[in-house]
Amino acid sequence: MSSRNPLTAEQLLYGYANGVFPMAEGKRGRIYWYAPDPRAIIPIYTYKPQKSLRPFINQKKFDIRFNTCFEQVMHYCAAPRKDDDNTWISEEIIRAYTQLHQMGFAHSVEAFEGQELVGGLYGVALGGAFFGESMFYLKPNASKVAFYYLIEQLKRQAFELLDTQFINDNVERYGAVEVAREEYMLLLEKALLKQTSFL
């Protein structure tokens, strides 16, 4: 399903609550809405970081912050990857999610080295569900450490669902599994009833 009207924060909230999310495609960045079946999720309470990541966590190599530079994180996530010039994070997407952040629903986890932002991720929190959107790194392991702290925060706040949309090699490293859309919608409905907050 595609949309010609400008993307709004209200549309995002409605979409996530109903199991769909937007991505921009093509040179014009036309917005399409997706509802994958099966859907990829990461079980929050069984996640364990790789052993090789432990030294970076224990030695506090990165200073982890929340929501201090949300839009900057999005711009880094939107940058083309080494093996692909395309991006699904258009300027329209950035504007709408930044508005959602200002409303208190979209959040970023940031890894700093000194005063330099070197990795991070962002997503949307509704009820007890967190919808992970994208991550980036400029220094090795920076995004992995940010993800570790995301999980710790979700546990601390008793979140029930971590949605990661599509399965791929990257999310599989974090323990992602696939569930049928019908099961996903039941998990989402239950999570949305949870009264909690990200921070």
N, C-alpha and C. Protein backbone atom coordinates (compact mmCIF):
# COMPACT_ATOMS: atom_id res chain seq x y z
N MET A 1 0.85 -1.19 0.00
CA MET A 1 0.00 0.00 0.00
C MET A 1 0.89 1.24 0.00
N SER A 2 0.59 2.19 -0.86
CA SER A 2 1.39 3.41 -0.93
C SER A 2 0.56 4.62 -0.54
N SER A 3 1.25 5.73 -0.27
CA SER A 3 0.57 6.95 0.13
C SER A 3 1.16 8.13 -0.63
N ARG A 4 0.29 9.06 -1.12
CA ARG A 4 0.75 10.25 -1.82
C ARG A 4 0.77 11.46 -0.89
N ASN A 5 0.04 11.39 0.21
CA ASN A 5 -0.01 12.52 1.14
C ASN A 5 1.22 12.52 2.04
N PRO A 6 1.64 13.71 2.51
CA PRO A 6 2.80 13.78 3.40
C PRO A 6 2.60 12.92 4.65
N LEU A 7 3.63 12.23 5.03
CA LEU A 7 3.58 11.36 6.20
C LEU A 7 3.49 12.20 7.47
N THR A 8 2.62 11.80 8.40
CA THR A 8 2.47 12.54 9.65
C THR A 8 2.72 11.63 10.84
N ALA A 9 2.97 12.25 11.98
CA ALA A 9 3.17 11.49 13.21
C ALA A 9 1.91 10.71 13.58
N GLU A 10 0.75 11.30 13.32
CA GLU A 10 -0.50 10.62 13.65
C GLU A 10 -0.67 9.36 12.82
N GLN A 11 -0.29 9.43 11.53
CA GLN A 11 -0.35 8.24 10.68
C GLN A 11 0.59 7.14 11.19
N LEU A 12 1.75 7.56 11.66
CA LEU A 12 2.71 6.59 12.20
C LEU A 12 2.12 5.88 13.41
N LEU A 13 1.52 6.63 14.32
CA LEU A 13 0.94 6.03 15.51
C LEU A 13 -0.17 5.04 15.13
N TYR A 14 -1.01 5.43 14.21
CA TYR A 14 -2.10 4.55 13.77
C TYR A 14 -1.53 3.30 13.11
N GLY A 15 -0.50 3.49 12.28
CA GLY A 15 0.10 2.36 11.58
C GLY A 15 0.71 1.35 12.54
N TYR A 16 1.55 1.82 13.46
CA TYR A 16 2.20 0.90 14.40
C TYR A 16 1.18 0.16 15.26
N ALA A 17 0.14 0.86 15.69
CA ALA A 17 -0.89 0.23 16.51
C ALA A 17 -1.65 -0.84 15.75
N ASN A 18 -1.58 -0.80 14.42
CA ASN A 18 -2.29 -1.76 13.59
C ASN A 18 -1.36 -2.69 12.81
N GLY A 19 -0.09 -2.72 13.23
CA GLY A 19 0.83 -3.72 12.67
C GLY A 19 1.44 -3.38 11.34
N VAL A 20 1.42 -2.11 10.93
CA VAL A 20 2.04 -1.71 9.67
C VAL A 20 3.05 -0.59 9.91
N PHE A 21 3.99 -0.45 9.01
CA PHE A 21 5.01 0.58 9.13
C PHE A 21 5.41 1.07 7.74
N PRO A 22 5.94 2.31 7.63
CA PRO A 22 6.27 2.88 6.32
C PRO A 22 7.74 2.74 5.95
N MET A 23 7.98 2.70 4.65
CA MET A 23 9.34 2.80 4.10
C MET A 23 9.25 3.62 2.83
N ALA A 24 10.29 4.38 2.54
CA ALA A 24 10.33 5.18 1.31
C ALA A 24 11.08 4.40 0.24
N GLU A 25 10.61 4.50 -0.98
CA GLU A 25 11.25 3.79 -2.09
C GLU A 25 11.40 4.71 -3.30
N GLY A 26 12.44 4.43 -4.09
CA GLY A 26 12.64 5.17 -5.33
C GLY A 26 13.25 6.53 -5.14
N LYS A 27 13.60 7.17 -6.25
CA LYS A 27 14.25 8.48 -6.20
C LYS A 27 13.34 9.55 -5.59
N ARG A 28 12.03 9.40 -5.78
CA ARG A 28 11.10 10.38 -5.24
C ARG A 28 10.73 10.07 -3.79
N GLY A 29 11.18 8.92 -3.30
CA GLY A 29 10.92 8.58 -1.90
C GLY A 29 9.46 8.35 -1.59
N ARG A 30 8.73 7.75 -2.54
CA ARG A 30 7.31 7.49 -2.30
C ARG A 30 7.16 6.54 -1.11
N ILE A 31 6.17 6.82 -0.25
CA ILE A 31 5.98 6.05 0.98
C ILE A 31 5.09 4.84 0.70
N TYR A 32 5.57 3.67 1.12
CA TYR A 32 4.79 2.44 1.06
C TYR A 32 4.66 1.89 2.48
N TRP A 33 3.53 1.26 2.76
CA TRP A 33 3.26 0.68 4.07
C TRP A 33 3.39 -0.83 3.99
N TYR A 34 3.99 -1.43 5.02
CA TYR A 34 4.28 -2.87 5.01
C TYR A 34 3.72 -3.56 6.24
N ALA A 35 3.32 -4.80 6.04
CA ALA A 35 2.87 -5.67 7.13
C ALA A 35 3.41 -7.08 6.83
N PRO A 36 4.69 -7.33 7.10
CA PRO A 36 5.31 -8.60 6.72
C PRO A 36 4.62 -9.81 7.37
N ASP A 37 4.58 -10.88 6.64
CA ASP A 37 4.10 -12.15 7.17
C ASP A 37 5.00 -13.25 6.60
N PRO A 38 5.87 -13.84 7.43
CA PRO A 38 5.97 -13.69 8.88
C PRO A 38 6.64 -12.38 9.28
N ARG A 39 6.57 -12.08 10.57
CA ARG A 39 7.14 -10.86 11.15
C ARG A 39 8.32 -11.25 12.04
N ALA A 40 9.36 -10.42 12.04
CA ALA A 40 10.54 -10.70 12.88
C ALA A 40 10.43 -9.96 14.20
N ILE A 41 10.67 -10.68 15.29
CA ILE A 41 10.72 -10.07 16.62
C ILE A 41 11.96 -10.57 17.33
N ILE A 42 12.41 -9.83 18.33
CA ILE A 42 13.54 -10.25 19.15
C ILE A 42 13.03 -10.47 20.58
N PRO A 43 13.07 -11.70 21.08
CA PRO A 43 12.64 -11.96 22.45
C PRO A 43 13.49 -11.16 23.44
N ILE A 44 12.86 -10.29 24.19
CA ILE A 44 13.59 -9.37 25.07
C ILE A 44 14.30 -10.08 26.20
N TYR A 45 13.64 -11.05 26.81
CA TYR A 45 14.13 -11.60 28.06
C TYR A 45 15.03 -12.81 27.89
N THR A 46 15.28 -13.22 26.64
CA THR A 46 16.24 -14.30 26.40
C THR A 46 17.48 -13.81 25.65
N TYR A 47 17.51 -12.52 25.31
CA TYR A 47 18.67 -11.97 24.60
C TYR A 47 19.92 -12.04 25.47
N LYS A 48 21.01 -12.48 24.86
CA LYS A 48 22.31 -12.47 25.53
C LYS A 48 23.35 -11.90 24.58
N PRO A 49 24.13 -10.92 25.01
CA PRO A 49 25.14 -10.34 24.12
C PRO A 49 26.24 -11.35 23.81
N GLN A 50 26.84 -11.20 22.65
CA GLN A 50 27.96 -12.07 22.29
C GLN A 50 29.11 -11.88 23.28
N LYS A 51 29.85 -12.96 23.52
CA LYS A 51 30.96 -12.89 24.47
C LYS A 51 31.97 -11.82 24.06
N SER A 52 32.18 -11.67 22.76
CA SER A 52 33.16 -10.69 22.27
C SER A 52 32.74 -9.26 22.58
N LEU A 53 31.45 -9.06 22.90
CA LEU A 53 30.95 -7.71 23.19
C LEU A 53 31.13 -7.34 24.66
N ARG A 54 31.28 -8.34 25.50
CA ARG A 54 31.36 -8.10 26.94
C ARG A 54 32.44 -7.09 27.35
N PRO A 55 33.66 -7.19 26.79
CA PRO A 55 34.68 -6.20 27.19
C PRO A 55 34.27 -4.77 26.89
N PHE A 56 33.58 -4.53 25.77
CA PHE A 56 33.15 -3.18 25.41
C PHE A 56 32.10 -2.67 26.40
N ILE A 57 31.26 -3.60 26.90
CA ILE A 57 30.24 -3.22 27.87
C ILE A 57 30.87 -2.99 29.24
N ASN A 58 31.69 -3.96 29.68
CA ASN A 58 32.27 -3.89 31.03
C ASN A 58 33.23 -2.72 31.20
N GLN A 59 33.99 -2.43 30.13
CA GLN A 59 34.98 -1.35 30.20
C GLN A 59 34.37 0.01 29.89
N LYS A 60 33.07 0.00 29.58
CA LYS A 60 32.35 1.26 29.26
C LYS A 60 33.10 2.08 28.20
N LYS A 61 33.45 1.37 27.13
CA LYS A 61 34.18 2.03 26.04
C LYS A 61 33.35 3.16 25.43
N PHE A 62 32.04 2.97 25.42
CA PHE A 62 31.15 3.99 24.86
C PHE A 62 30.27 4.58 25.96
N ASP A 63 30.04 5.87 25.85
CA ASP A 63 29.11 6.57 26.74
C ASP A 63 27.73 6.47 26.10
N ILE A 64 26.80 5.81 26.78
CA ILE A 64 25.47 5.59 26.21
C ILE A 64 24.51 6.65 26.72
N ARG A 65 23.81 7.27 25.78
CA ARG A 65 22.83 8.31 26.10
C ARG A 65 21.51 8.00 25.41
N PHE A 66 20.44 8.58 25.92
CA PHE A 66 19.11 8.39 25.34
C PHE A 66 18.54 9.74 24.90
N ASN A 67 18.05 9.78 23.67
CA ASN A 67 17.26 10.93 23.19
C ASN A 67 18.00 12.27 23.22
N THR A 68 19.32 12.28 23.09
CA THR A 68 20.02 13.57 23.09
C THR A 68 20.22 14.12 21.69
N CYS A 69 20.16 13.27 20.67
CA CYS A 69 20.35 13.76 19.29
C CYS A 69 19.59 12.84 18.32
N PHE A 70 18.30 12.74 18.55
CA PHE A 70 17.44 11.82 17.79
C PHE A 70 17.56 12.03 16.28
N GLU A 71 17.40 13.26 15.85
CA GLU A 71 17.39 13.52 14.40
C GLU A 71 18.75 13.19 13.77
N GLN A 72 19.82 13.45 14.49
CA GLN A 72 21.15 13.13 13.99
C GLN A 72 21.32 11.62 13.81
N VAL A 73 20.79 10.85 14.76
CA VAL A 73 20.82 9.39 14.64
C VAL A 73 20.08 8.96 13.38
N MET A 74 18.93 9.55 13.13
CA MET A 74 18.17 9.20 11.93
C MET A 74 18.95 9.52 10.65
N HIS A 75 19.62 10.66 10.64
CA HIS A 75 20.39 11.01 9.44
C HIS A 75 21.53 10.03 9.21
N TYR A 76 22.19 9.61 10.28
CA TYR A 76 23.24 8.60 10.12
C TYR A 76 22.65 7.27 9.62
N CYS A 77 21.49 6.90 10.16
CA CYS A 77 20.85 5.66 9.72
C CYS A 77 20.43 5.73 8.25
N ALA A 78 20.14 6.94 7.79
CA ALA A 78 19.69 7.13 6.40
C ALA A 78 20.83 7.12 5.40
N ALA A 79 22.06 7.26 5.87
CA ALA A 79 23.21 7.30 4.96
C ALA A 79 23.32 5.97 4.21
N PRO A 80 23.64 6.01 2.90
CA PRO A 80 23.77 4.78 2.13
C PRO A 80 24.82 3.83 2.72
N ARG A 81 24.53 2.53 2.68
CA ARG A 81 25.47 1.52 3.15
C ARG A 81 26.55 1.33 2.10
N LYS A 82 27.63 0.69 2.50
CA LYS A 82 28.77 0.48 1.60
C LYS A 82 28.38 -0.27 0.34
N ASP A 83 27.47 -1.25 0.51
CA ASP A 83 27.12 -2.11 -0.63
C ASP A 83 25.79 -1.72 -1.28
N ASP A 84 25.24 -0.57 -0.90
CA ASP A 84 23.93 -0.20 -1.43
C ASP A 84 23.75 1.32 -1.34
N ASP A 85 23.45 1.96 -2.47
CA ASP A 85 23.27 3.41 -2.49
C ASP A 85 21.86 3.83 -2.08
N ASN A 86 20.94 2.86 -2.01
CA ASN A 86 19.56 3.20 -1.70
C ASN A 86 19.34 3.32 -0.20
N THR A 87 18.32 4.06 0.17
CA THR A 87 17.92 4.16 1.57
C THR A 87 16.41 4.26 1.62
N TRP A 88 15.82 3.66 2.65
CA TRP A 88 14.36 3.75 2.80
C TRP A 88 13.98 4.87 3.77
N ILE A 89 15.00 5.56 4.31
CA ILE A 89 14.75 6.65 5.26
C ILE A 89 14.90 7.97 4.51
N SER A 90 13.80 8.48 4.01
CA SER A 90 13.80 9.73 3.24
C SER A 90 13.70 10.93 4.19
N GLU A 91 13.84 12.12 3.63
CA GLU A 91 13.68 13.34 4.43
C GLU A 91 12.27 13.42 5.01
N GLU A 92 11.29 12.95 4.25
CA GLU A 92 9.91 12.94 4.74
C GLU A 92 9.77 12.01 5.95
N ILE A 93 10.41 10.85 5.88
CA ILE A 93 10.42 9.91 7.01
C ILE A 93 11.08 10.56 8.22
N ILE A 94 12.22 11.20 8.01
CA ILE A 94 12.94 11.84 9.11
C ILE A 94 12.07 12.92 9.77
N ARG A 95 11.40 13.73 8.98
CA ARG A 95 10.55 14.80 9.52
C ARG A 95 9.42 14.21 10.38
N ALA A 96 8.77 13.17 9.87
CA ALA A 96 7.63 12.60 10.59
C ALA A 96 8.07 11.93 11.89
N TYR A 97 9.18 11.19 11.85
CA TYR A 97 9.64 10.51 13.07
C TYR A 97 10.20 11.51 14.08
N THR A 98 10.80 12.59 13.60
CA THR A 98 11.27 13.63 14.53
C THR A 98 10.09 14.27 15.23
N GLN A 99 9.00 14.47 14.51
CA GLN A 99 7.77 14.98 15.13
C GLN A 99 7.27 13.98 16.17
N LEU A 100 7.32 12.69 15.82
CA LEU A 100 6.90 11.65 16.76
C LEU A 100 7.79 11.63 18.00
N HIS A 101 9.08 11.89 17.80
CA HIS A 101 10.02 11.99 18.92
C HIS A 101 9.65 13.17 19.83
N GLN A 102 9.32 14.29 19.22
CA GLN A 102 8.94 15.48 20.00
C GLN A 102 7.66 15.25 20.79
N MET A 103 6.83 14.31 20.32
CA MET A 103 5.59 13.95 21.01
C MET A 103 5.84 12.91 22.11
N GLY A 104 7.06 12.37 22.16
CA GLY A 104 7.41 11.42 23.21
C GLY A 104 7.26 9.95 22.85
N PHE A 105 7.05 9.65 21.57
CA PHE A 105 6.85 8.26 21.16
C PHE A 105 8.05 7.62 20.46
N ALA A 106 8.91 8.41 19.86
CA ALA A 106 10.09 7.88 19.16
C ALA A 106 11.34 8.19 19.99
N HIS A 107 12.25 7.22 20.04
CA HIS A 107 13.41 7.34 20.93
C HIS A 107 14.69 6.88 20.23
N SER A 108 15.80 7.42 20.71
CA SER A 108 17.10 6.99 20.20
C SER A 108 17.99 6.55 21.35
N VAL A 109 18.83 5.57 21.07
CA VAL A 109 19.89 5.14 21.99
C VAL A 109 21.20 5.45 21.28
N GLU A 110 22.07 6.22 21.93
CA GLU A 110 23.26 6.76 21.26
C GLU A 110 24.54 6.32 21.95
N ALA A 111 25.52 5.95 21.16
CA ALA A 111 26.84 5.58 21.68
C ALA A 111 27.83 6.68 21.32
N PHE A 112 28.42 7.28 22.34
CA PHE A 112 29.40 8.35 22.15
C PHE A 112 30.79 7.86 22.53
N GLU A 113 31.77 8.37 21.80
CA GLU A 113 33.17 8.21 22.18
C GLU A 113 33.69 9.62 22.40
N GLY A 114 33.86 9.98 23.67
CA GLY A 114 34.12 11.39 23.97
C GLY A 114 32.86 12.17 23.64
N GLN A 115 32.99 13.19 22.82
CA GLN A 115 31.84 13.99 22.40
C GLN A 115 31.37 13.64 20.99
N GLU A 116 31.90 12.54 20.44
CA GLU A 116 31.56 12.15 19.07
C GLU A 116 30.53 11.04 19.07
N LEU A 117 29.45 11.24 18.34
CA LEU A 117 28.44 10.21 18.16
C LEU A 117 28.99 9.16 17.20
N VAL A 118 29.13 7.92 17.66
CA VAL A 118 29.78 6.89 16.84
C VAL A 118 28.89 5.70 16.56
N GLY A 119 27.66 5.71 17.07
CA GLY A 119 26.75 4.61 16.81
C GLY A 119 25.43 4.85 17.50
N GLY A 120 24.42 4.10 17.09
CA GLY A 120 23.14 4.26 17.75
C GLY A 120 22.01 3.61 16.99
N LEU A 121 20.83 3.79 17.50
CA LEU A 121 19.63 3.22 16.89
C LEU A 121 18.44 4.06 17.29
N TYR A 122 17.32 3.84 16.60
CA TYR A 122 16.10 4.55 16.98
C TYR A 122 14.90 3.64 16.74
N GLY A 123 13.80 3.98 17.39
CA GLY A 123 12.58 3.21 17.22
C GLY A 123 11.41 3.92 17.86
N VAL A 124 10.29 3.24 17.90
CA VAL A 124 9.04 3.81 18.39
C VAL A 124 8.53 2.96 19.55
N ALA A 125 8.07 3.62 20.61
CA ALA A 125 7.52 2.93 21.77
C ALA A 125 6.04 3.26 21.91
N LEU A 126 5.22 2.20 21.98
CA LEU A 126 3.79 2.33 22.21
C LEU A 126 3.39 1.29 23.24
N GLY A 127 2.82 1.72 24.35
CA GLY A 127 2.48 0.76 25.38
C GLY A 127 3.72 -0.03 25.78
N GLY A 128 3.60 -1.36 25.78
CA GLY A 128 4.73 -2.22 26.09
C GLY A 128 5.40 -2.79 24.87
N ALA A 129 5.26 -2.12 23.73
CA ALA A 129 5.88 -2.56 22.48
C ALA A 129 6.91 -1.53 22.03
N PHE A 130 8.07 -2.03 21.59
CA PHE A 130 9.08 -1.16 21.00
C PHE A 130 9.32 -1.65 19.58
N PHE A 131 9.25 -0.74 18.63
CA PHE A 131 9.42 -1.06 17.22
C PHE A 131 10.79 -0.55 16.77
N GLY A 132 11.75 -1.45 16.68
CA GLY A 132 13.09 -1.06 16.26
C GLY A 132 13.12 -0.72 14.79
N GLU A 133 13.69 0.43 14.45
CA GLU A 133 13.67 0.89 13.07
C GLU A 133 15.01 0.71 12.35
N SER A 134 16.06 1.30 12.87
CA SER A 134 17.35 1.22 12.17
C SER A 134 18.48 1.51 13.15
N MET A 135 19.69 1.10 12.77
CA MET A 135 20.87 1.39 13.58
C MET A 135 22.04 1.71 12.67
N PHE A 136 23.08 2.32 13.24
CA PHE A 136 24.27 2.65 12.47
C PHE A 136 25.48 2.58 13.39
N TYR A 137 26.65 2.51 12.79
CA TYR A 137 27.88 2.63 13.59
C TYR A 137 28.97 3.27 12.76
N LEU A 138 29.79 4.07 13.43
CA LEU A 138 31.00 4.64 12.82
C LEU A 138 32.24 3.98 13.41
N LYS A 139 32.10 3.38 14.59
CA LYS A 139 33.18 2.64 15.23
C LYS A 139 32.68 1.22 15.50
N PRO A 140 33.56 0.22 15.33
CA PRO A 140 33.14 -1.16 15.54
C PRO A 140 32.47 -1.37 16.89
N ASN A 141 31.38 -2.12 16.88
CA ASN A 141 30.64 -2.54 18.07
C ASN A 141 29.79 -1.44 18.72
N ALA A 142 29.86 -0.21 18.19
CA ALA A 142 29.10 0.88 18.81
C ALA A 142 27.59 0.62 18.77
N SER A 143 27.08 0.16 17.63
CA SER A 143 25.63 -0.09 17.54
C SER A 143 25.24 -1.31 18.37
N LYS A 144 26.14 -2.30 18.47
CA LYS A 144 25.85 -3.50 19.27
C LYS A 144 25.73 -3.15 20.74
N VAL A 145 26.60 -2.27 21.21
CA VAL A 145 26.52 -1.84 22.61
C VAL A 145 25.26 -1.02 22.84
N ALA A 146 24.90 -0.16 21.88
CA ALA A 146 23.66 0.60 21.99
C ALA A 146 22.46 -0.34 22.07
N PHE A 147 22.50 -1.41 21.28
CA PHE A 147 21.40 -2.38 21.31
C PHE A 147 21.33 -3.07 22.67
N TYR A 148 22.48 -3.42 23.23
CA TYR A 148 22.50 -4.03 24.56
C TYR A 148 21.80 -3.14 25.58
N TYR A 149 22.08 -1.83 25.53
CA TYR A 149 21.46 -0.91 26.47
C TYR A 149 19.98 -0.69 26.15
N LEU A 150 19.60 -0.83 24.89
CA LEU A 150 18.18 -0.80 24.54
C LEU A 150 17.46 -1.95 25.25
N ILE A 151 18.01 -3.15 25.14
CA ILE A 151 17.41 -4.31 25.77
C ILE A 151 17.32 -4.12 27.28
N GLU A 152 18.38 -3.62 27.89
CA GLU A 152 18.37 -3.39 29.34
C GLU A 152 17.27 -2.40 29.73
N GLN A 153 17.08 -1.38 28.92
CA GLN A 153 16.04 -0.39 29.20
C GLN A 153 14.65 -1.01 29.04
N LEU A 154 14.47 -1.82 28.02
CA LEU A 154 13.17 -2.47 27.80
C LEU A 154 12.85 -3.42 28.96
N LYS A 155 13.86 -4.12 29.44
CA LYS A 155 13.64 -5.00 30.61
C LYS A 155 13.28 -4.18 31.84
N ARG A 156 14.02 -3.10 32.05
CA ARG A 156 13.80 -2.25 33.22
C ARG A 156 12.37 -1.70 33.24
N GLN A 157 11.86 -1.39 32.06
CA GLN A 157 10.52 -0.80 31.96
C GLN A 157 9.44 -1.84 31.69
N ALA A 158 9.82 -3.12 31.73
CA ALA A 158 8.87 -4.24 31.58
C ALA A 158 8.14 -4.24 30.24
N PHE A 159 8.86 -3.94 29.16
CA PHE A 159 8.28 -4.06 27.82
C PHE A 159 8.06 -5.53 27.49
N GLU A 160 7.12 -5.78 26.60
CA GLU A 160 6.75 -7.15 26.27
C GLU A 160 7.10 -7.56 24.84
N LEU A 161 7.26 -6.58 23.95
CA LEU A 161 7.46 -6.90 22.53
C LEU A 161 8.52 -6.00 21.93
N LEU A 162 9.49 -6.61 21.24
CA LEU A 162 10.49 -5.87 20.47
C LEU A 162 10.36 -6.32 19.02
N ASP A 163 9.76 -5.47 18.22
CA ASP A 163 9.50 -5.76 16.81
C ASP A 163 10.69 -5.31 15.97
N THR A 164 11.13 -6.17 15.07
CA THR A 164 12.23 -5.79 14.19
C THR A 164 11.89 -5.99 12.72
N GLN A 165 10.59 -6.19 12.45
CA GLN A 165 10.02 -6.15 11.10
C GLN A 165 10.40 -7.33 10.22
N PHE A 166 11.56 -7.23 9.53
CA PHE A 166 11.98 -8.27 8.60
C PHE A 166 13.14 -9.07 9.18
N ILE A 167 13.21 -10.34 8.87
CA ILE A 167 14.35 -11.14 9.28
C ILE A 167 15.50 -10.92 8.31
N ASN A 168 16.70 -10.79 8.81
CA ASN A 168 17.91 -10.73 7.98
C ASN A 168 19.09 -11.13 8.85
N ASP A 169 20.27 -11.22 8.23
CA ASP A 169 21.45 -11.69 8.97
C ASP A 169 21.76 -10.80 10.16
N ASN A 170 21.54 -9.49 10.01
CA ASN A 170 21.87 -8.56 11.08
C ASN A 170 21.02 -8.80 12.32
N VAL A 171 19.69 -8.87 12.15
CA VAL A 171 18.84 -9.04 13.33
C VAL A 171 18.92 -10.46 13.89
N GLU A 172 19.27 -11.41 13.05
CA GLU A 172 19.44 -12.78 13.55
C GLU A 172 20.58 -12.85 14.56
N ARG A 173 21.59 -11.99 14.40
CA ARG A 173 22.70 -11.94 15.37
C ARG A 173 22.21 -11.56 16.76
N TYR A 174 21.11 -10.84 16.81
CA TYR A 174 20.56 -10.40 18.09
C TYR A 174 19.50 -11.35 18.62
N GLY A 175 19.31 -12.46 17.94
CA GLY A 175 18.35 -13.46 18.40
C GLY A 175 16.96 -13.34 17.81
N ALA A 176 16.81 -12.65 16.68
CA ALA A 176 15.50 -12.47 16.07
C ALA A 176 14.92 -13.79 15.60
N VAL A 177 13.62 -13.92 15.74
CA VAL A 177 12.88 -15.08 15.26
C VAL A 177 11.67 -14.58 14.47
N GLU A 178 11.11 -15.47 13.68
CA GLU A 178 9.94 -15.11 12.89
C GLU A 178 8.67 -15.69 13.52
N VAL A 179 7.61 -14.90 13.48
CA VAL A 179 6.29 -15.39 13.91
C VAL A 179 5.29 -15.04 12.83
N ALA A 180 4.26 -15.86 12.72
CA ALA A 180 3.20 -15.59 11.75
C ALA A 180 2.50 -14.27 12.10
N ARG A 181 1.99 -13.59 11.09
CA ARG A 181 1.34 -12.29 11.33
C ARG A 181 0.21 -12.40 12.35
N GLU A 182 -0.57 -13.47 12.28
CA GLU A 182 -1.66 -13.65 13.23
C GLU A 182 -1.14 -13.68 14.67
N GLU A 183 -0.05 -14.41 14.89
CA GLU A 183 0.55 -14.46 16.23
C GLU A 183 1.12 -13.10 16.62
N TYR A 184 1.75 -12.44 15.65
CA TYR A 184 2.31 -11.12 15.91
C TYR A 184 1.23 -10.15 16.37
N MET A 185 0.09 -10.16 15.71
CA MET A 185 -0.98 -9.23 16.05
C MET A 185 -1.52 -9.50 17.46
N LEU A 186 -1.53 -10.76 17.88
CA LEU A 186 -1.94 -11.08 19.25
C LEU A 186 -0.92 -10.54 20.25
N LEU A 187 0.36 -10.73 19.93
CA LEU A 187 1.42 -10.20 20.81
C LEU A 187 1.36 -8.67 20.88
N LEU A 188 1.10 -8.04 19.73
CA LEU A 188 1.02 -6.58 19.68
C LEU A 188 -0.17 -6.08 20.49
N GLU A 189 -1.32 -6.71 20.32
CA GLU A 189 -2.52 -6.30 21.05
C GLU A 189 -2.28 -6.37 22.56
N LYS A 190 -1.65 -7.43 23.01
CA LYS A 190 -1.36 -7.60 24.44
C LYS A 190 -0.37 -6.53 24.92
N ALA A 191 0.69 -6.29 24.12
CA ALA A 191 1.71 -5.32 24.51
C ALA A 191 1.16 -3.90 24.57
N LEU A 192 0.25 -3.56 23.67
CA LEU A 192 -0.30 -2.21 23.63
C LEU A 192 -1.14 -1.90 24.87
N LEU A 193 -1.60 -2.92 25.54
CA LEU A 193 -2.42 -2.72 26.75
C LEU A 193 -1.55 -2.41 27.97
N LYS A 194 -0.24 -2.66 27.83
CA LYS A 194 0.66 -2.46 28.96
C LYS A 194 0.88 -0.96 29.19
N GLN A 195 0.74 -0.54 30.43
CA GLN A 195 0.96 0.86 30.77
C GLN A 195 2.39 1.03 31.28
N THR A 196 3.26 1.49 30.41
CA THR A 196 4.65 1.73 30.77
C THR A 196 5.18 2.85 29.88
N SER A 197 6.42 3.23 30.09
CA SER A 197 7.03 4.25 29.24
C SER A 197 8.49 3.85 28.99
N PHE A 198 9.04 4.38 27.92
CA PHE A 198 10.40 3.99 27.56
C PHE A 198 11.43 4.52 28.56
N LEU A 199 11.26 5.74 29.00
CA LEU A 199 12.19 6.35 29.95
C LEU A 199 11.47 6.63 31.28
